Amino acid sequence: MTEVLVCAALCPPGEEHQAAWELLAQVLARELGIESLPEVAKGGEGKPFFPERPDICFNLSHSHGAVACAVHNEEIGVDIERLRTPPKHLGQGMEPEAFFRLWTAREATVKRRGQGIAALMRGEAPDPLCRCLPDLLPGWVVTVCLSVDAPVRALRMEGSDDESRDQPPK
């Protein structure tokens, strides 16, 4: 898989966790012909992976009625956040979009590395290979963190109707 695939979809609030796994299953079936999710295990910090399919790396994220997943053959991280007023103790006067672009890049970096929330709270800079996909899901910020420089294809999934668009790197 030479390109990174990032997919996002809306879902009913409160159903994000299950919807993220369903999105991953849909993407694997549609893009790779895998009809059921392979067995899932978790790394030391809780990052899920497919032990029987080391050729498929993935990451999931959800936020306030939306989900995202990223799939590649190299380690990958993804984060999605709904645009809203930033938390006062973290936002430090930043505009919402600027704050959530930074936050999602930092979180996607930590997730790609398989680190826990403590690494996120240390305030490390995002990896330079992070790419924000600003038009993927209007009202949300979606950022993917790659392990290697690769093209990114973004798909917005909506029920049975899929709209796909290639997203240029940012």
C-alpha atoms as a PDB file:
ATOM      1  CA  MET A   1       0.000   0.000   0.000  1.00  0.00           C
ATOM      2  CA  THR A   2       1.875   3.058  -1.212  1.00  0.00           C
ATOM      3  CA  GLU A   3      -0.722   5.620  -0.190  1.00  0.00           C
ATOM      4  CA  VAL A   4      -2.121   6.402   3.220  1.00  0.00           C
ATOM      5  CA  LEU A   5      -5.891   6.085   3.392  1.00  0.00           C
ATOM      6  CA  VAL A   6      -7.775   8.341   5.810  1.00  0.00           C
ATOM      7  CA  CYS A   7     -11.546   7.995   6.166  1.00  0.00           C
ATOM      8  CA  ALA A   8     -14.017   9.986   8.232  1.00  0.00           C
ATOM      9  CA  ALA A   9     -17.760   9.775   8.828  1.00  0.00           C
ATOM     10  CA  LEU A  10     -20.487  11.221  10.983  1.00  0.00           C
ATOM     11  CA  CYS A  11     -22.252   8.977  13.463  1.00  0.00           C
ATOM     12  CA  PRO A  12     -24.844   9.328  16.229  1.00  0.00           C
ATOM     13  CA  PRO A  13     -23.350  10.914  19.360  1.00  0.00           C
ATOM     14  CA  GLY A  14     -22.596   8.249  21.929  1.00  0.00           C
ATOM     15  CA  GLU A  15     -21.927   5.593  19.275  1.00  0.00           C
ATOM     16  CA  GLU A  16     -18.475   6.813  18.226  1.00  0.00           C
ATOM     17  CA  HIS A  17     -16.426   3.892  19.577  1.00  0.00           C
ATOM     18  CA  GLN A  18     -18.421   1.247  17.715  1.00  0.00           C
ATOM     19  CA  ALA A  19     -18.742   3.458  14.627  1.00  0.00           C
ATOM     20  CA  ALA A  20     -14.945   3.822  14.414  1.00  0.00           C
ATOM     21  CA  TRP A  21     -14.486   0.035  14.325  1.00  0.00           C
ATOM     22  CA  GLU A  22     -17.308  -0.293  11.778  1.00  0.00           C
ATOM     23  CA  LEU A  23     -15.632   2.368   9.621  1.00  0.00           C
ATOM     24  CA  LEU A  24     -12.355   0.442   9.742  1.00  0.00           C
ATOM     25  CA  ALA A  25     -14.137  -2.779   8.761  1.00  0.00           C
ATOM     26  CA  GLN A  26     -15.855  -0.987   5.872  1.00  0.00           C
ATOM     27  CA  VAL A  27     -12.560   0.479   4.664  1.00  0.00           C
ATOM     28  CA  LEU A  28     -10.714  -2.851   4.836  1.00  0.00           C
ATOM     29  CA  ALA A  29     -13.502  -4.560   2.885  1.00  0.00           C
ATOM     30  CA  ARG A  30     -13.795  -1.826   0.268  1.00  0.00           C
ATOM     31  CA  GLU A  31     -10.104  -1.095  -0.245  1.00  0.00           C
ATOM     32  CA  LEU A  32      -8.340  -4.380   0.556  1.00  0.00           C
ATOM     33  CA  GLY A  33     -11.045  -7.020   0.081  1.00  0.00           C
ATOM     34  CA  ILE A  34     -10.832  -8.121   3.730  1.00  0.00           C
ATOM     35  CA  GLU A  35     -14.351  -9.209   4.650  1.00  0.00           C
ATOM     36  CA  SER A  36     -13.962  -9.343   8.444  1.00  0.00           C
ATOM     37  CA  LEU A  37     -11.674  -7.587  10.887  1.00  0.00           C
ATOM     38  CA  PRO A  38      -8.548  -9.579  11.696  1.00  0.00           C
ATOM     39  CA  GLU A  39      -7.896 -10.395  15.358  1.00  0.00           C
ATOM     40  CA  VAL A  40      -6.947  -7.249  17.288  1.00  0.00           C
ATOM     41  CA  ALA A  41      -4.304  -7.013  20.018  1.00  0.00           C
ATOM     42  CA  LYS A  42      -2.981  -4.000  21.932  1.00  0.00           C
ATOM     43  CA  GLY A  43       0.574  -2.780  22.371  1.00  0.00           C
ATOM     44  CA  GLY A  44       2.102  -1.757  25.691  1.00  0.00           C
ATOM     45  CA  GLU A  45       0.441   1.670  25.727  1.00  0.00           C
ATOM     46  CA  GLY A  46      -2.858   0.348  24.338  1.00  0.00           C
ATOM     47  CA  LYS A  47      -2.417   0.980  20.604  1.00  0.00           C
ATOM     48  CA  PRO A  48      -4.432  -1.634  18.686  1.00  0.00           C
ATOM     49  CA  PHE A  49      -2.879  -3.699  15.898  1.00  0.00           C
ATOM     50  CA  PHE A  50      -3.503  -6.838  13.850  1.00  0.00           C
ATOM     51  CA  PRO A  51      -0.945  -9.464  15.026  1.00  0.00           C
ATOM     52  CA  GLU A  52      -1.693 -11.744  12.071  1.00  0.00           C
ATOM     53  CA  ARG A  53      -1.523  -8.872   9.543  1.00  0.00           C
ATOM     54  CA  PRO A  54       1.650  -6.859  10.252  1.00  0.00           C
ATOM     55  CA  ASP A  55       1.333  -5.482   6.705  1.00  0.00           C
ATOM     56  CA  ILE A  56      -1.729  -3.444   7.783  1.00  0.00           C
ATOM     57  CA  CYS A  57      -1.259  -0.622  10.273  1.00  0.00           C
ATOM     58  CA  PHE A  58      -4.269   1.403  11.377  1.00  0.00           C
ATOM     59  CA  ASN A  59      -5.421   3.973  13.870  1.00  0.00           C
ATOM     60  CA  LEU A  60      -8.864   5.164  14.983  1.00  0.00           C
ATOM     61  CA  SER A  61     -10.225   8.387  16.460  1.00  0.00           C
ATOM     62  CA  HIS A  62     -13.607   9.804  17.424  1.00  0.00           C
ATOM     63  CA  SER A  63     -15.033  13.099  18.609  1.00  0.00           C
ATOM     64  CA  HIS A  64     -18.546  14.403  19.275  1.00  0.00           C
ATOM     65  CA  GLY A  65     -20.457  12.457  16.595  1.00  0.00           C
ATOM     66  CA  ALA A  66     -17.662  11.858  14.101  1.00  0.00           C
ATOM     67  CA  VAL A  67     -15.081   9.114  13.542  1.00  0.00           C
ATOM     68  CA  ALA A  68     -11.866   8.733  11.558  1.00  0.00           C
ATOM     69  CA  CYS A  69      -9.530   5.906  10.671  1.00  0.00           C
ATOM     70  CA  ALA A  70      -6.183   5.765   8.901  1.00  0.00           C
ATOM     71  CA  VAL A  71      -4.709   2.706   7.187  1.00  0.00           C
ATOM     72  CA  HIS A  72      -1.221   2.172   5.763  1.00  0.00           C
ATOM     73  CA  ASN A  73       1.545  -0.411   5.717  1.00  0.00           C
ATOM     74  CA  GLU A  74       3.657   1.728   8.083  1.00  0.00           C
ATOM     75  CA  GLU A  75       2.802   2.970  11.581  1.00  0.00           C
ATOM     76  CA  ILE A  76       0.130   5.661  11.433  1.00  0.00           C
ATOM     77  CA  GLY A  77      -1.739   7.962  13.802  1.00  0.00           C
ATOM     78  CA  VAL A  78      -4.949   9.907  13.274  1.00  0.00           C
ATOM     79  CA  ASP A  79      -6.963  12.325  15.352  1.00  0.00           C
ATOM     80  CA  ILE A  80     -10.302  14.043  14.802  1.00  0.00           C
ATOM     81  CA  GLU A  81     -11.738  16.876  16.887  1.00  0.00           C
ATOM     82  CA  ARG A  82     -14.911  18.892  16.492  1.00  0.00           C
ATOM     83  CA  LEU A  83     -14.228  22.606  16.116  1.00  0.00           C
ATOM     84  CA  ARG A  84     -15.353  24.307  19.302  1.00  0.00           C
ATOM     85  CA  THR A  85     -14.035  26.716  21.909  1.00  0.00           C
ATOM     86  CA  PRO A  86     -10.682  25.371  23.124  1.00  0.00           C
ATOM     87  CA  PRO A  87     -10.316  24.406  26.784  1.00  0.00           C
ATOM     88  CA  LYS A  88      -9.231  27.539  28.699  1.00  0.00           C
ATOM     89  CA  HIS A  89      -6.331  25.813  30.450  1.00  0.00           C
ATOM     90  CA  LEU A  90      -4.919  24.567  27.122  1.00  0.00           C
ATOM     91  CA  GLY A  91      -6.034  27.095  24.504  1.00  0.00           C
ATOM     92  CA  GLN A  92      -4.192  30.125  25.917  1.00  0.00           C
ATOM     93  CA  GLY A  93      -6.170  32.543  23.746  1.00  0.00           C
ATOM     94  CA  MET A  94      -5.761  30.570  20.503  1.00  0.00           C
ATOM     95  CA  GLU A  95      -8.458  30.607  17.832  1.00  0.00           C
ATOM     96  CA  PRO A  96     -10.384  27.294  17.714  1.00  0.00           C
ATOM     97  CA  GLU A  97      -9.072  26.145  14.333  1.00  0.00           C
ATOM     98  CA  ALA A  98      -5.442  26.943  15.178  1.00  0.00           C
ATOM     99  CA  PHE A  99      -5.745  25.208  18.546  1.00  0.00           C
ATOM    100  CA  PHE A 100      -7.344  22.047  17.137  1.00  0.00           C
ATOM    101  CA  ARG A 101      -4.903  21.857  14.227  1.00  0.00           C
ATOM    102  CA  LEU A 102      -2.071  21.869  16.764  1.00  0.00           C
ATOM    103  CA  TRP A 103      -3.871  19.525  19.180  1.00  0.00           C
ATOM    104  CA  THR A 104      -4.782  16.947  16.517  1.00  0.00           C
ATOM    105  CA  ALA A 105      -1.238  17.017  15.112  1.00  0.00           C
ATOM    106  CA  ARG A 106       0.216  16.424  18.564  1.00  0.00           C
ATOM    107  CA  GLU A 107      -2.280  13.654  19.330  1.00  0.00           C
ATOM    108  CA  ALA A 108      -1.795  11.953  15.950  1.00  0.00           C
ATOM    109  CA  THR A 109       1.990  12.044  16.555  1.00  0.00           C
ATOM    110  CA  VAL A 110       1.623  10.423  19.985  1.00  0.00           C
ATOM    111  CA  LYS A 111      -0.784   7.814  18.595  1.00  0.00           C
ATOM    112  CA  ARG A 112       1.524   6.955  15.685  1.00  0.00           C
ATOM    113  CA  ARG A 113       4.350   6.386  18.147  1.00  0.00           C
ATOM    114  CA  GLY A 114       2.109   4.207  20.322  1.00  0.00           C
ATOM    115  CA  GLN A 115       2.622   6.465  23.344  1.00  0.00           C
ATOM    116  CA  GLY A 116       0.076   7.191  26.047  1.00  0.00           C
ATOM    117  CA  ILE A 117      -1.717  10.356  27.122  1.00  0.00           C
ATOM    118  CA  ALA A 118       1.228  11.370  29.333  1.00  0.00           C
ATOM    119  CA  ALA A 119       3.294  12.003  26.191  1.00  0.00           C
ATOM    120  CA  LEU A 120       0.547  14.250  24.849  1.00  0.00           C
ATOM    121  CA  MET A 121       0.461  16.297  28.025  1.00  0.00           C
ATOM    122  CA  ARG A 122       4.240  16.928  27.869  1.00  0.00           C
ATOM    123  CA  GLY A 123       3.524  19.292  24.992  1.00  0.00           C
ATOM    124  CA  GLU A 124       5.955  17.846  22.476  1.00  0.00           C
ATOM    125  CA  ALA A 125       5.933  19.357  19.011  1.00  0.00           C
ATOM    126  CA  PRO A 126       4.007  17.505  16.286  1.00  0.00           C
ATOM    127  CA  ASP A 127       5.951  15.355  13.868  1.00  0.00           C
ATOM    128  CA  PRO A 128       6.726  17.218  10.611  1.00  0.00           C
ATOM    129  CA  LEU A 129       5.065  14.380   8.661  1.00  0.00           C
ATOM    130  CA  CYS A 130       1.637  15.279  10.112  1.00  0.00           C
ATOM    131  CA  ARG A 131      -0.909  16.452   7.563  1.00  0.00           C
ATOM    132  CA  CYS A 132      -4.131  18.242   8.333  1.00  0.00           C
ATOM    133  CA  LEU A 133      -7.078  17.368   6.072  1.00  0.00           C
ATOM    134  CA  PRO A 134      -9.198  20.498   6.592  1.00  0.00           C
ATOM    135  CA  ASP A 135     -11.972  19.742   4.114  1.00  0.00           C
ATOM    136  CA  LEU A 136     -12.476  16.065   4.884  1.00  0.00           C
ATOM    137  CA  LEU A 137     -15.318  16.597   7.356  1.00  0.00           C
ATOM    138  CA  PRO A 138     -16.579  20.192   7.670  1.00  0.00           C
ATOM    139  CA  GLY A 139     -16.790  21.275  11.307  1.00  0.00           C
ATOM    140  CA  TRP A 140     -14.047  18.862  12.412  1.00  0.00           C
ATOM    141  CA  VAL A 141     -10.271  18.936  12.160  1.00  0.00           C
ATOM    142  CA  VAL A 142      -8.712  15.666  10.961  1.00  0.00           C
ATOM    143  CA  THR A 143      -4.945  15.186  11.099  1.00  0.00           C
ATOM    144  CA  VAL A 144      -2.924  12.127  10.127  1.00  0.00           C
ATOM    145  CA  CYS A 145       0.667  11.482  11.204  1.00  0.00           C
ATOM    146  CA  LEU A 146       2.711   9.392   8.800  1.00  0.00           C
ATOM    147  CA  SER A 147       5.852   7.342   9.434  1.00  0.00           C
ATOM    148  CA  VAL A 148       7.160   7.967   5.925  1.00  0.00           C
ATOM    149  CA  ASP A 149       6.415  10.606   3.333  1.00  0.00           C
ATOM    150  CA  ALA A 150       3.584   9.147   1.242  1.00  0.00           C
ATOM    151  CA  PRO A 151       0.548  10.346  -0.692  1.00  0.00           C
ATOM    152  CA  VAL A 152      -2.653  10.632   1.341  1.00  0.00           C
ATOM    153  CA  ARG A 153      -6.067   9.704  -0.030  1.00  0.00           C
ATOM    154  CA  ALA A 154      -9.000  10.927   2.032  1.00  0.00           C
ATOM    155  CA  LEU A 155     -12.506   9.488   1.881  1.00  0.00           C
ATOM    156  CA  ARG A 156     -15.582  10.956   3.460  1.00  0.00           C
ATOM    157  CA  MET A 157     -17.963   8.115   4.160  1.00  0.00           C
ATOM    158  CA  GLU A 158     -21.663   8.812   4.601  1.00  0.00           C
ATOM    159  CA  GLY A 159     -23.955   5.837   5.076  1.00  0.00           C
ATOM    160  CA  SER A 160     -24.291   3.862   1.860  1.00  0.00           C
ATOM    161  CA  ASP A 161     -23.220   6.839  -0.267  1.00  0.00           C
ATOM    162  CA  ASP A 162     -19.461   7.347  -0.298  1.00  0.00           C
ATOM    163  CA  GLU A 163     -17.885  10.547  -1.515  1.00  0.00           C
ATOM    164  CA  SER A 164     -14.170  10.239  -2.108  1.00  0.00           C
ATOM    165  CA  ARG A 165     -11.710  13.020  -2.754  1.00  0.00           C
ATOM    166  CA  ASP A 166      -7.970  13.084  -3.018  1.00  0.00           C
ATOM    167  CA  GLN A 167      -6.592  15.526  -0.470  1.00  0.00           C
ATOM    168  CA  PRO A 168      -3.345  17.386  -1.211  1.00  0.00           C
ATOM    169  CA  PRO A 169      -0.727  17.402   1.544  1.00  0.00           C
ATOM    170  CA  LYS A 170      -0.807  20.403   3.878  1.00  0.00           C
END
